[in-house]
Amino acid sequence: WMSMFSATLMTAIGVLFGPWLLSIYGAHYDAGRWFIGAFMAAAVFSAPANIIGNAIVVNDGQMRWLALTVIWFVVLLLAGVSFSVAGAWTGAIAQAIAALVLTMLAMTVARSRQLI
């Protein structure tokens, strides 16, 4: 849970200071603040998956983690196609959905291996 807290805190800081950082590049980047925030928010769901994935790999679960990564990739592609009507937001939406699936599957595998 600390990884999600840290990622959420970084997302809040990114959204808060995003306009200032983007102003360095000019006014035509103003809309980027919300895109950056959306992708950072989607990354919040990835934070625990990466930590749990490391535990799975260290515990001789390389093939299991590879399978989870393949599932993540397929979900990412399917979500991207499904939400393509969202325009530029499609990437953040697809990333959030795929990351949530990966985190849930990683937690399931880690529990079955008694890692958490």
Protein backbone atom coordinates (compact mmCIF):
# COMPACT_ATOMS: atom_id res chain seq x y z
CA TRP A 1 0.00 0.00 0.00
CA MET A 2 2.95 2.32 0.53
CA SER A 3 3.75 2.10 -3.18
CA MET A 4 0.25 3.28 -4.04
CA PHE A 5 0.49 6.08 -1.49
CA SER A 6 3.83 7.23 -2.92
CA ALA A 7 2.52 7.07 -6.48
CA THR A 8 -0.61 9.00 -5.52
CA LEU A 9 1.48 11.65 -3.81
CA MET A 10 3.68 11.99 -6.90
CA THR A 11 0.57 12.25 -9.07
CA ALA A 12 -0.79 15.08 -6.91
CA ILE A 13 2.54 16.90 -7.08
CA GLY A 14 2.69 16.37 -10.85
CA VAL A 15 -0.79 17.77 -11.37
CA LEU A 16 -0.11 20.66 -9.00
CA PHE A 17 3.19 21.71 -10.57
CA GLY A 18 2.37 20.50 -14.09
CA PRO A 19 1.20 23.88 -15.40
CA TRP A 20 4.37 25.57 -14.22
CA LEU A 21 6.58 22.91 -15.79
CA LEU A 22 4.64 22.96 -19.06
CA SER A 23 4.70 26.78 -19.21
CA ILE A 24 8.43 26.51 -19.87
CA TYR A 25 7.60 24.96 -23.25
CA GLY A 26 4.92 27.51 -24.24
CA ALA A 27 1.18 28.09 -24.04
CA HIS A 28 0.28 25.38 -26.57
CA TYR A 29 1.11 22.74 -23.93
CA ASP A 30 -1.51 23.93 -21.41
CA ALA A 31 -3.84 20.98 -22.03
CA GLY A 32 -0.98 18.58 -21.31
CA ARG A 33 -1.41 19.07 -17.58
CA TRP A 34 -4.43 16.77 -17.48
CA PHE A 35 -2.86 14.21 -19.79
CA ILE A 36 0.19 14.01 -17.56
CA GLY A 37 -2.08 13.71 -14.52
CA ALA A 38 -4.15 10.98 -16.19
CA PHE A 39 -1.11 8.88 -17.04
CA MET A 40 0.37 9.42 -13.58
CA ALA A 41 -2.95 8.38 -12.01
CA ALA A 42 -2.99 5.26 -14.20
CA ALA A 43 0.52 4.47 -12.97
CA VAL A 44 -0.78 4.38 -9.39
CA PHE A 45 -2.33 1.00 -10.19
CA SER A 46 0.99 -0.29 -11.54
CA ALA A 47 2.97 0.53 -8.41
CA PRO A 48 2.03 -2.54 -6.33
CA ALA A 49 2.20 -4.85 -9.37
CA ASN A 50 5.86 -4.06 -9.91
CA ILE A 51 6.81 -4.72 -6.30
CA ILE A 52 4.77 -7.92 -6.11
CA GLY A 53 6.18 -8.96 -9.50
CA ASN A 54 9.70 -8.67 -8.14
CA ALA A 55 8.76 -10.98 -5.28
CA ILE A 56 7.26 -13.49 -7.71
CA VAL A 57 10.36 -13.49 -9.93
CA VAL A 58 12.75 -13.82 -6.99
CA ASN A 59 10.73 -16.79 -5.76
CA ASP A 60 11.40 -18.74 -9.01
CA GLY A 61 8.29 -17.42 -10.74
CA GLN A 62 9.80 -16.06 -13.94
CA MET A 63 7.45 -17.97 -16.22
CA ARG A 64 4.45 -17.01 -14.10
CA TRP A 65 5.45 -13.34 -14.28
CA LEU A 66 5.98 -13.64 -18.04
CA ALA A 67 2.45 -15.04 -18.37
CA LEU A 68 1.06 -12.16 -16.29
CA THR A 69 2.93 -9.67 -18.45
CA VAL A 70 1.49 -11.22 -21.61
CA ILE A 71 -2.01 -11.00 -20.13
CA TRP A 72 -1.32 -7.35 -19.19
CA PHE A 73 -0.25 -6.60 -22.76
CA VAL A 74 -3.32 -8.26 -24.29
CA VAL A 75 -5.61 -6.36 -21.90
CA LEU A 76 -3.78 -3.13 -22.74
CA LEU A 77 -4.34 -3.68 -26.45
CA LEU A 78 -7.99 -4.69 -26.04
CA ALA A 79 -8.72 -1.74 -23.77
CA GLY A 80 -6.98 0.59 -26.22
CA VAL A 81 -9.14 -0.65 -29.07
CA SER A 82 -12.29 -0.60 -26.94
CA PHE A 83 -11.80 2.97 -25.74
CA SER A 84 -10.41 4.41 -28.98
CA VAL A 85 -13.38 6.79 -29.14
CA ALA A 86 -11.90 8.60 -26.12
CA GLY A 87 -9.27 10.18 -28.36
CA ALA A 88 -6.09 11.20 -26.61
CA TRP A 89 -7.38 9.84 -23.30
CA THR A 90 -7.40 6.29 -24.66
CA GLY A 91 -3.83 5.61 -23.57
CA ALA A 92 -4.41 6.60 -19.96
CA ILE A 93 -7.67 4.65 -19.75
CA ALA A 94 -6.13 1.53 -21.30
CA GLN A 95 -3.08 1.78 -19.05
CA ALA A 96 -5.24 2.10 -15.93
CA ILE A 97 -7.37 -0.92 -16.85
CA ALA A 98 -4.39 -3.09 -17.78
CA ALA A 99 -2.46 -2.05 -14.65
CA LEU A 100 -5.44 -2.86 -12.44
CA VAL A 101 -5.73 -6.31 -14.03
CA LEU A 102 -1.99 -6.92 -13.64
CA THR A 103 -2.04 -5.86 -9.99
CA MET A 104 -5.00 -8.11 -9.18
CA LEU A 105 -3.44 -11.09 -10.96
CA ALA A 106 -0.06 -10.48 -9.32
CA MET A 107 -1.72 -10.37 -5.90
CA THR A 108 -3.53 -13.63 -6.66
CA VAL A 109 -0.30 -15.36 -7.71
CA ALA A 110 1.60 -13.95 -4.72
CA ARG A 111 -1.09 -15.18 -2.33
CA SER A 112 -1.06 -18.65 -3.90
CA ARG A 113 2.73 -18.76 -3.39
CA GLN A 114 2.30 -17.41 0.16
CA LEU A 115 4.39 -14.33 -0.60
CA ILE A 116 1.84 -11.93 0.89
